[in-house]
PDB file of N, CA and C in Angstrom:
ATOM      1  N   MET A   1     -25.915 -12.873  20.884  1.00  0.00           N
ATOM      2  CA  MET A   1     -24.394 -12.521  20.495  1.00  0.00           C
ATOM      3  C   MET A   1     -23.532 -13.200  21.240  1.00  0.00           C
ATOM      4  N   THR A   2     -22.873 -13.638  20.640  1.00  0.00           N
ATOM      5  CA  THR A   2     -22.228 -14.894  21.791  1.00  0.00           C
ATOM      6  C   THR A   2     -20.603 -14.000  22.278  1.00  0.00           C
ATOM      7  N   GLU A   3     -19.824 -14.731  23.056  1.00  0.00           N
ATOM      8  CA  GLU A   3     -18.985 -14.028  23.709  1.00  0.00           C
ATOM      9  C   GLU A   3     -17.874 -14.105  22.513  1.00  0.00           C
ATOM     10  N   GLU A   4     -17.580 -15.289  21.796  1.00  0.00           N
ATOM     11  CA  GLU A   4     -16.510 -15.008  20.847  1.00  0.00           C
ATOM     12  C   GLU A   4     -16.954 -13.926  19.964  1.00  0.00           C
ATOM     13  N   ILE A   5     -17.961 -13.433  19.479  1.00  0.00           N
ATOM     14  CA  ILE A   5     -18.081 -12.317  18.720  1.00  0.00           C
ATOM     15  C   ILE A   5     -17.792 -10.987  19.476  1.00  0.00           C
ATOM     16  N   VAL A   6     -18.011 -11.172  20.689  1.00  0.00           N
ATOM     17  CA  VAL A   6     -17.994  -9.625  21.355  1.00  0.00           C
ATOM     18  C   VAL A   6     -16.050  -9.464  21.671  1.00  0.00           C
ATOM     19  N   ILE A   7     -15.736 -10.696  21.757  1.00  0.00           N
ATOM     20  CA  ILE A   7     -14.049 -10.704  22.002  1.00  0.00           C
ATOM     21  C   ILE A   7     -13.410 -10.083  20.502  1.00  0.00           C
ATOM     22  N   GLU A   8     -13.993 -10.730  19.583  1.00  0.00           N
ATOM     23  CA  GLU A   8     -13.570 -10.573  18.112  1.00  0.00           C
ATOM     24  C   GLU A   8     -13.631  -9.134  17.912  1.00  0.00           C
ATOM     25  N   LEU A   9     -14.778  -8.794  18.208  1.00  0.00           N
ATOM     26  CA  LEU A   9     -15.226  -7.270  18.068  1.00  0.00           C
ATOM     27  C   LEU A   9     -14.690  -6.118  18.611  1.00  0.00           C
ATOM     28  N   LEU A  10     -13.914  -6.616  20.273  1.00  0.00           N
ATOM     29  CA  LEU A  10     -13.510  -5.663  21.006  1.00  0.00           C
ATOM     30  C   LEU A  10     -12.094  -5.826  20.666  1.00  0.00           C
ATOM     31  N   THR A  11     -11.544  -6.987  20.355  1.00  0.00           N
ATOM     32  CA  THR A  11     -10.051  -7.034  19.854  1.00  0.00           C
ATOM     33  C   THR A  11      -9.757  -6.182  18.608  1.00  0.00           C
ATOM     34  N   GLU A  12     -10.482  -6.409  17.498  1.00  0.00           N
ATOM     35  CA  GLU A  12     -10.448  -5.537  16.458  1.00  0.00           C
ATOM     36  C   GLU A  12     -10.682  -4.099  16.460  1.00  0.00           C
ATOM     37  N   THR A  13     -11.833  -3.784  17.532  1.00  0.00           N
ATOM     38  CA  THR A  13     -11.699  -2.291  17.714  1.00  0.00           C
ATOM     39  C   THR A  13     -10.439  -1.561  18.589  1.00  0.00           C
ATOM     40  N   PHE A  14      -9.815  -2.602  19.441  1.00  0.00           N
ATOM     41  CA  PHE A  14      -8.541  -1.873  20.128  1.00  0.00           C
ATOM     42  C   PHE A  14      -7.290  -2.018  19.155  1.00  0.00           C
ATOM     43  N   TYR A  15      -7.461  -2.732  18.045  1.00  0.00           N
ATOM     44  CA  TYR A  15      -6.339  -3.036  17.573  1.00  0.00           C
ATOM     45  C   TYR A  15      -6.537  -1.577  16.196  1.00  0.00           C
ATOM     46  N   THR A  16      -7.506  -1.252  15.997  1.00  0.00           N
ATOM     47  CA  THR A  16      -7.789  -0.193  14.706  1.00  0.00           C
ATOM     48  C   THR A  16      -7.531   1.060  15.895  1.00  0.00           C
ATOM     49  N   VAL A  17      -7.693   1.142  17.104  1.00  0.00           N
ATOM     50  CA  VAL A  17      -7.730   2.432  17.499  1.00  0.00           C
ATOM     51  C   VAL A  17      -6.149   2.867  17.948  1.00  0.00           C
ATOM     52  N   PHE A  18      -5.372   1.239  18.085  1.00  0.00           N
ATOM     53  CA  PHE A  18      -4.089   1.277  18.457  1.00  0.00           C
ATOM     54  C   PHE A  18      -3.126   1.673  17.237  1.00  0.00           C
ATOM     55  N   ILE A  19      -3.774   0.979  15.940  1.00  0.00           N
ATOM     56  CA  ILE A  19      -3.027   1.344  14.930  1.00  0.00           C
ATOM     57  C   ILE A  19      -3.033   2.649  14.448  1.00  0.00           C
ATOM     58  N   ILE A  20      -4.226   3.288  14.527  1.00  0.00           N
ATOM     59  CA  ILE A  20      -4.436   4.854  13.989  1.00  0.00           C
ATOM     60  C   ILE A  20      -3.950   5.846  15.314  1.00  0.00           C
ATOM     61  N   LEU A  21      -3.708   5.636  16.024  1.00  0.00           N
ATOM     62  CA  LEU A  21      -2.992   6.450  17.223  1.00  0.00           C
ATOM     63  C   LEU A  21      -1.463   6.337  17.220  1.00  0.00           C
ATOM     64  N   LEU A  22      -1.058   5.059  16.860  1.00  0.00           N
ATOM     65  CA  LEU A  22       0.370   4.659  17.216  1.00  0.00           C
ATOM     66  C   LEU A  22       1.322   6.199  16.199  1.00  0.00           C
ATOM     67  N   PRO A  23       1.163   6.502  14.974  1.00  0.00           N
ATOM     68  CA  PRO A  23       2.075   7.265  14.454  1.00  0.00           C
ATOM     69  C   PRO A  23       1.522   8.641  14.806  1.00  0.00           C
ATOM     70  N   ILE A  24       0.576   9.125  15.603  1.00  0.00           N
ATOM     71  CA  ILE A  24       0.246  10.475  16.161  1.00  0.00           C
ATOM     72  C   ILE A  24       1.058  10.673  17.442  1.00  0.00           C
ATOM     73  N   LEU A  25       0.924   9.616  18.185  1.00  0.00           N
ATOM     74  CA  LEU A  25       1.903   9.544  19.584  1.00  0.00           C
ATOM     75  C   LEU A  25       2.878   9.713  19.268  1.00  0.00           C
ATOM     76  N   SER A  26       3.753   8.818  18.200  1.00  0.00           N
ATOM     77  CA  SER A  26       5.117   8.758  18.063  1.00  0.00           C
ATOM     78  C   SER A  26       5.774  10.099  17.422  1.00  0.00           C
ATOM     79  N   VAL A  27       5.324  10.686  16.740  1.00  0.00           N
ATOM     80  CA  VAL A  27       5.353  12.139  16.365  1.00  0.00           C
ATOM     81  C   VAL A  27       5.629  13.211  17.636  1.00  0.00           C
ATOM     82  N   ALA A  28       4.531  13.076  18.528  1.00  0.00           N
ATOM     83  CA  ALA A  28       4.564  14.065  19.382  1.00  0.00           C
ATOM     84  C   ALA A  28       5.447  13.278  20.555  1.00  0.00           C
ATOM     85  N   LEU A  29       5.976  11.985  20.594  1.00  0.00           N
ATOM     86  CA  LEU A  29       6.959  11.565  21.487  1.00  0.00           C
ATOM     87  C   LEU A  29       8.464  11.808  21.243  1.00  0.00           C
ATOM     88  N   VAL A  30       8.660  11.499  19.650  1.00  0.00           N
ATOM     89  CA  VAL A  30       9.739  12.244  19.100  1.00  0.00           C
ATOM     90  C   VAL A  30      10.452  13.676  19.333  1.00  0.00           C
ATOM     91  N   VAL A  31       9.111  14.799  19.099  1.00  0.00           N
ATOM     92  CA  VAL A  31       9.287  16.246  18.841  1.00  0.00           C
ATOM     93  C   VAL A  31       9.701  16.100  20.522  1.00  0.00           C
ATOM     94  N   GLY A  32       8.616  15.676  21.541  1.00  0.00           N
ATOM     95  CA  GLY A  32       9.132  15.804  22.885  1.00  0.00           C
ATOM     96  C   GLY A  32      10.391  15.499  23.105  1.00  0.00           C
ATOM     97  N   ILE A  33      11.154  14.427  23.070  1.00  0.00           N
ATOM     98  CA  ILE A  33      12.274  14.194  23.196  1.00  0.00           C
ATOM     99  C   ILE A  33      13.489  15.053  22.572  1.00  0.00           C
ATOM    100  N   PHE A  34      13.449  15.625  21.441  1.00  0.00           N
ATOM    101  CA  PHE A  34      14.156  16.665  20.847  1.00  0.00           C
ATOM    102  C   PHE A  34      14.182  17.808  21.721  1.00  0.00           C
ATOM    103  N   ILE A  35      13.194  18.219  21.977  1.00  0.00           N
ATOM    104  CA  ILE A  35      12.901  19.479  22.690  1.00  0.00           C
ATOM    105  C   ILE A  35      13.447  19.270  24.292  1.00  0.00           C
ATOM    106  N   SER A  36      13.191  18.113  24.628  1.00  0.00           N
ATOM    107  CA  SER A  36      13.594  17.941  25.989  1.00  0.00           C
ATOM    108  C   SER A  36      15.302  18.151  25.942  1.00  0.00           C
ATOM    109  N   VAL A  37      15.904  17.096  25.068  1.00  0.00           N
ATOM    110  CA  VAL A  37      17.561  17.431  24.934  1.00  0.00           C
ATOM    111  C   VAL A  37      18.109  18.762  24.517  1.00  0.00           C
ATOM    112  N   PHE A  38      17.017  19.879  23.993  1.00  0.00           N
ATOM    113  CA  PHE A  38      17.697  21.040  23.395  1.00  0.00           C
ATOM    114  C   PHE A  38      17.499  21.834  24.665  1.00  0.00           C
ATOM    115  N   GLN A  39      16.582  21.613  25.773  1.00  0.00           N
ATOM    116  CA  GLN A  39      16.134  22.430  26.917  1.00  0.00           C
ATOM    117  C   GLN A  39      17.474  21.746  28.082  1.00  0.00           C
ATOM    118  N   ALA A  40      17.701  20.841  27.795  1.00  0.00           N
ATOM    119  CA  ALA A  40      19.023  20.414  28.729  1.00  0.00           C
ATOM    120  C   ALA A  40      20.117  20.818  28.289  1.00  0.00           C
ATOM    121  N   ALA A  41      20.366  20.627  27.144  1.00  0.00           N
ATOM    122  CA  ALA A  41      21.490  21.450  26.640  1.00  0.00           C
ATOM    123  C   ALA A  41      21.645  23.196  26.555  1.00  0.00           C
ATOM    124  N   THR A  42      20.533  23.494  26.700  1.00  0.00           N
ATOM    125  CA  THR A  42      20.393  25.252  26.705  1.00  0.00           C
ATOM    126  C   THR A  42      20.278  25.740  28.238  1.00  0.00           C
ATOM    127  N   SER A  43      19.700  24.952  28.703  1.00  0.00           N
ATOM    128  CA  SER A  43      19.159  25.305  30.253  1.00  0.00           C
ATOM    129  C   SER A  43      18.018  26.510  30.198  1.00  0.00           C
ATOM    130  N   ILE A  44      17.320  26.271  28.767  1.00  0.00           N
ATOM    131  CA  ILE A  44      16.163  26.923  28.867  1.00  0.00           C
ATOM    132  C   ILE A  44      15.002  26.364  29.338  1.00  0.00           C
ATOM    133  N   GLN A  45      14.220  26.819  30.301  1.00  0.00           N
ATOM    134  CA  GLN A  45      13.059  25.691  31.003  1.00  0.00           C
ATOM    135  C   GLN A  45      12.024  26.741  30.590  1.00  0.00           C
ATOM    136  N   GLU A  46      11.653  27.280  29.508  1.00  0.00           N
ATOM    137  CA  GLU A  46      10.376  27.633  29.081  1.00  0.00           C
ATOM    138  C   GLU A  46       9.383  26.880  28.994  1.00  0.00           C
ATOM    139  N   MET A  47       8.133  27.029  29.460  1.00  0.00           N
ATOM    140  CA  MET A  47       6.924  25.902  29.289  1.00  0.00           C
ATOM    141  C   MET A  47       6.424  25.836  27.755  1.00  0.00           C
ATOM    142  N   THR A  48       6.204  26.963  27.277  1.00  0.00           N
ATOM    143  CA  THR A  48       5.627  27.049  25.892  1.00  0.00           C
ATOM    144  C   THR A  48       6.563  26.312  24.815  1.00  0.00           C
ATOM    145  N   LEU A  49       7.721  26.217  25.294  1.00  0.00           N
ATOM    146  CA  LEU A  49       8.859  26.018  24.451  1.00  0.00           C
ATOM    147  C   LEU A  49       8.641  24.097  24.021  1.00  0.00           C
ATOM    148  N   THR A  50       7.836  23.823  25.270  1.00  0.00           N
ATOM    149  CA  THR A  50       7.695  22.341  25.066  1.00  0.00           C
ATOM    150  C   THR A  50       6.535  22.173  24.504  1.00  0.00           C
ATOM    151  N   PHE A  51       5.461  23.063  24.687  1.00  0.00           N
ATOM    152  CA  PHE A  51       3.719  22.702  24.362  1.00  0.00           C
ATOM    153  C   PHE A  51       3.847  22.984  22.898  1.00  0.00           C
ATOM    154  N   VAL A  52       4.398  24.238  22.663  1.00  0.00           N
ATOM    155  CA  VAL A  52       3.615  25.026  20.932  1.00  0.00           C
ATOM    156  C   VAL A  52       4.160  24.026  19.935  1.00  0.00           C
ATOM    157  N   PRO A  53       5.585  23.502  20.281  1.00  0.00           N
ATOM    158  CA  PRO A  53       5.872  22.433  19.055  1.00  0.00           C
ATOM    159  C   PRO A  53       5.452  21.134  18.825  1.00  0.00           C
ATOM    160  N   LYS A  54       5.032  20.506  19.997  1.00  0.00           N
ATOM    161  CA  LYS A  54       4.600  19.310  20.204  1.00  0.00           C
ATOM    162  C   LYS A  54       2.798  19.613  19.388  1.00  0.00           C
ATOM    163  N   ILE A  55       2.529  20.271  19.708  1.00  0.00           N
ATOM    164  CA  ILE A  55       1.057  20.515  19.474  1.00  0.00           C
ATOM    165  C   ILE A  55       1.158  20.833  17.668  1.00  0.00           C
ATOM    166  N   LEU A  56       1.726  21.801  17.445  1.00  0.00           N
ATOM    167  CA  LEU A  56       2.021  22.042  15.975  1.00  0.00           C
ATOM    168  C   LEU A  56       2.277  20.469  15.109  1.00  0.00           C
ATOM    169  N   PHE A  57       3.406  19.980  15.475  1.00  0.00           N
ATOM    170  CA  PHE A  57       3.919  18.971  14.819  1.00  0.00           C
ATOM    171  C   PHE A  57       2.937  17.846  14.967  1.00  0.00           C
ATOM    172  N   THR A  58       2.129  17.437  15.990  1.00  0.00           N
ATOM    173  CA  THR A  58       0.774  16.560  16.095  1.00  0.00           C
ATOM    174  C   THR A  58      -0.070  16.684  15.360  1.00  0.00           C
ATOM    175  N   ALA A  59      -0.503  18.216  15.398  1.00  0.00           N
ATOM    176  CA  ALA A  59      -1.497  18.937  14.454  1.00  0.00           C
ATOM    177  C   ALA A  59      -1.109  18.682  12.845  1.00  0.00           C
ATOM    178  N   LEU A  60       0.152  18.816  12.429  1.00  0.00           N
ATOM    179  CA  LEU A  60       0.694  18.386  11.480  1.00  0.00           C
ATOM    180  C   LEU A  60       0.801  16.657  10.948  1.00  0.00           C
ATOM    181  N   ALA A  61       0.896  16.009  11.828  1.00  0.00           N
ATOM    182  CA  ALA A  61       0.989  14.736  11.448  1.00  0.00           C
ATOM    183  C   ALA A  61      -0.803  13.936  11.403  1.00  0.00           C
ATOM    184  N   VAL A  62      -1.529  14.763  12.132  1.00  0.00           N
ATOM    185  CA  VAL A  62      -2.999  14.549  12.122  1.00  0.00           C
ATOM    186  C   VAL A  62      -3.569  14.825  10.775  1.00  0.00           C
ATOM    187  N   ILE A  63      -3.306  15.879  10.199  1.00  0.00           N
ATOM    188  CA  ILE A  63      -3.780  16.743   9.060  1.00  0.00           C
ATOM    189  C   ILE A  63      -3.023  15.712   8.070  1.00  0.00           C
ATOM    190  N   LEU A  64      -1.782  15.027   7.910  1.00  0.00           N
ATOM    191  CA  LEU A  64      -1.322  14.606   6.984  1.00  0.00           C
ATOM    192  C   LEU A  64      -1.546  13.315   6.817  1.00  0.00           C
ATOM    193  N   LEU A  65      -2.116  12.438   7.908  1.00  0.00           N
ATOM    194  CA  LEU A  65      -2.782  11.105   8.119  1.00  0.00           C
ATOM    195  C   LEU A  65      -3.953  11.168   7.877  1.00  0.00           C
ATOM    196  N   ILE A  66      -4.605  12.319   7.699  1.00  0.00           N
ATOM    197  CA  ILE A  66      -6.709  11.767   7.667  1.00  0.00           C
ATOM    198  C   ILE A  66      -6.846  11.160   6.540  1.00  0.00           C
ATOM    199  N   PRO A  67      -6.358  11.123   5.367  1.00  0.00           N
ATOM    200  CA  PRO A  67      -6.627  10.018   4.588  1.00  0.00           C
ATOM    201  C   PRO A  67      -6.516   8.868   4.861  1.00  0.00           C
ATOM    202  N   TRP A  68      -5.316   8.207   5.430  1.00  0.00           N
ATOM    203  CA  TRP A  68      -5.272   6.719   6.069  1.00  0.00           C
ATOM    204  C   TRP A  68      -5.941   6.481   6.841  1.00  0.00           C
ATOM    205  N   ILE A  69      -6.295   7.618   7.976  1.00  0.00           N
ATOM    206  CA  ILE A  69      -7.135   7.152   9.156  1.00  0.00           C
ATOM    207  C   ILE A  69      -8.627   7.168   8.609  1.00  0.00           C
ATOM    208  N   VAL A  70      -8.963   7.637   7.605  1.00  0.00           N
ATOM    209  CA  VAL A  70     -10.492   7.709   6.935  1.00  0.00           C
ATOM    210  C   VAL A  70     -10.467   6.435   6.499  1.00  0.00           C
ATOM    211  N   GLU A  71      -9.477   6.025   5.511  1.00  0.00           N
ATOM    212  CA  GLU A  71      -9.078   4.528   5.001  1.00  0.00           C
ATOM    213  C   GLU A  71      -9.541   3.407   6.157  1.00  0.00           C
ATOM    214  N   LYS A  72      -8.723   3.197   7.390  1.00  0.00           N
ATOM    215  CA  LYS A  72      -8.631   2.506   8.208  1.00  0.00           C
ATOM    216  C   LYS A  72      -9.987   2.318   9.074  1.00  0.00           C
ATOM    217  N   LEU A  73     -10.960   3.557   9.325  1.00  0.00           N
ATOM    218  CA  LEU A  73     -12.197   3.428   9.859  1.00  0.00           C
ATOM    219  C   LEU A  73     -13.478   2.837   8.959  1.00  0.00           C
ATOM    220  N   VAL A  74     -13.164   3.450   7.673  1.00  0.00           N
ATOM    221  CA  VAL A  74     -13.886   3.146   6.824  1.00  0.00           C
ATOM    222  C   VAL A  74     -14.175   1.387   6.564  1.00  0.00           C
ATOM    223  N   SER A  75     -12.995   0.868   6.585  1.00  0.00           N
ATOM    224  CA  SER A  75     -12.737  -0.498   6.141  1.00  0.00           C
ATOM    225  C   SER A  75     -12.851  -0.866   7.715  1.00  0.00           C
ATOM    226  N   PHE A  76     -12.827  -0.534   8.850  1.00  0.00           N
ATOM    227  CA  PHE A  76     -13.314  -0.959  10.349  1.00  0.00           C
ATOM    228  C   PHE A  76     -15.066  -1.310  10.322  1.00  0.00           C
ATOM    229  N   THR A  77     -15.723  -0.101   9.878  1.00  0.00           N
ATOM    230  CA  THR A  77     -16.700   0.274   9.650  1.00  0.00           C
ATOM    231  C   THR A  77     -17.679  -0.785   8.931  1.00  0.00           C
ATOM    232  N   GLN A  78     -16.930  -1.197   7.654  1.00  0.00           N
ATOM    233  CA  GLN A  78     -17.145  -1.776   6.775  1.00  0.00           C
ATOM    234  C   GLN A  78     -17.265  -3.359   7.241  1.00  0.00           C
ATOM    235  N   LYS A  79     -16.504  -3.874   8.072  1.00  0.00           N
ATOM    236  CA  LYS A  79     -16.280  -5.087   8.928  1.00  0.00           C
ATOM    237  C   LYS A  79     -17.484  -4.952   9.923  1.00  0.00           C
ATOM    238  N   ILE A  80     -18.204  -4.147  10.736  1.00  0.00           N
ATOM    239  CA  ILE A  80     -19.175  -4.290  11.577  1.00  0.00           C
ATOM    240  C   ILE A  80     -20.243  -4.221  10.949  1.00  0.00           C
ATOM    241  N   PHE A  81     -20.654  -3.651   9.868  1.00  0.00           N
ATOM    242  CA  PHE A  81     -21.873  -4.186   9.219  1.00  0.00           C
ATOM    243  C   PHE A  81     -21.525  -5.529   8.222  1.00  0.00           C
ATOM    244  N   ALA A  82     -20.825  -5.725   7.834  1.00  0.00           N
ATOM    245  CA  ALA A  82     -20.629  -7.314   7.635  1.00  0.00           C
ATOM    246  C   ALA A  82     -21.071  -8.361   8.574  1.00  0.00           C
ATOM    247  N   MET A  83     -20.497  -8.033   9.867  1.00  0.00           N
ATOM    248  CA  MET A  83     -20.829  -8.824  11.232  1.00  0.00           C
ATOM    249  C   MET A  83     -22.237  -8.844  11.515  1.00  0.00           C
ATOM    250  N   ILE A  84     -23.282  -7.626  11.042  1.00  0.00           N
ATOM    251  CA  ILE A  84     -24.415  -7.551  11.663  1.00  0.00           C
ATOM    252  C   ILE A  84     -25.230  -8.669  11.264  1.00  0.00           C
ATOM    253  N   ASP A  85     -25.331  -9.320  10.067  1.00  0.00           N
ATOM    254  CA  ASP A  85     -25.682 -10.522   9.657  1.00  0.00           C
ATOM    255  C   ASP A  85     -25.505 -11.589  10.445  1.00  0.00           C
ATOM    256  N   SER A  86     -24.491 -12.024  11.002  1.00  0.00           N
ATOM    257  CA  SER A  86     -24.161 -12.930  11.516  1.00  0.00           C
ATOM    258  C   SER A  86     -24.085 -12.817  12.900  1.00  0.00           C
ATOM    259  N   VAL A  87     -24.412 -11.987  13.143  1.00  0.00           N
ATOM    260  CA  VAL A  87     -24.721 -11.504  14.950  1.00  0.00           C
ATOM    261  C   VAL A  87     -26.563 -11.607  15.071  1.00  0.00           C
ATOM    262  N   ILE A  88     -27.233 -11.212  13.980  1.00  0.00           N
ATOM    263  CA  ILE A  88     -28.990 -10.762  14.523  1.00  0.00           C
ATOM    264  C   ILE A  88     -29.045 -12.402  13.565  1.00  0.00           C
TER     265      ILE A  88
END
């Protein structure tokens, strides 16, 4: 296994993880910003007000994105299996 193959494999791995996590983290970020603005406007400083909606919307985003996530992971796994021949 050469250095180039390891670098290519790690680059592809980090890219895949980034692509998968980006929409989920974006949902959590947008919900958090809306809740922060709401709290600042109403002076409500309840801790569960920030936690519960972010968890719910993030879980909903994960549930809705499961088919897309599985597709990305399967294609990445197929690339890894295809690379086995060249590595060995």
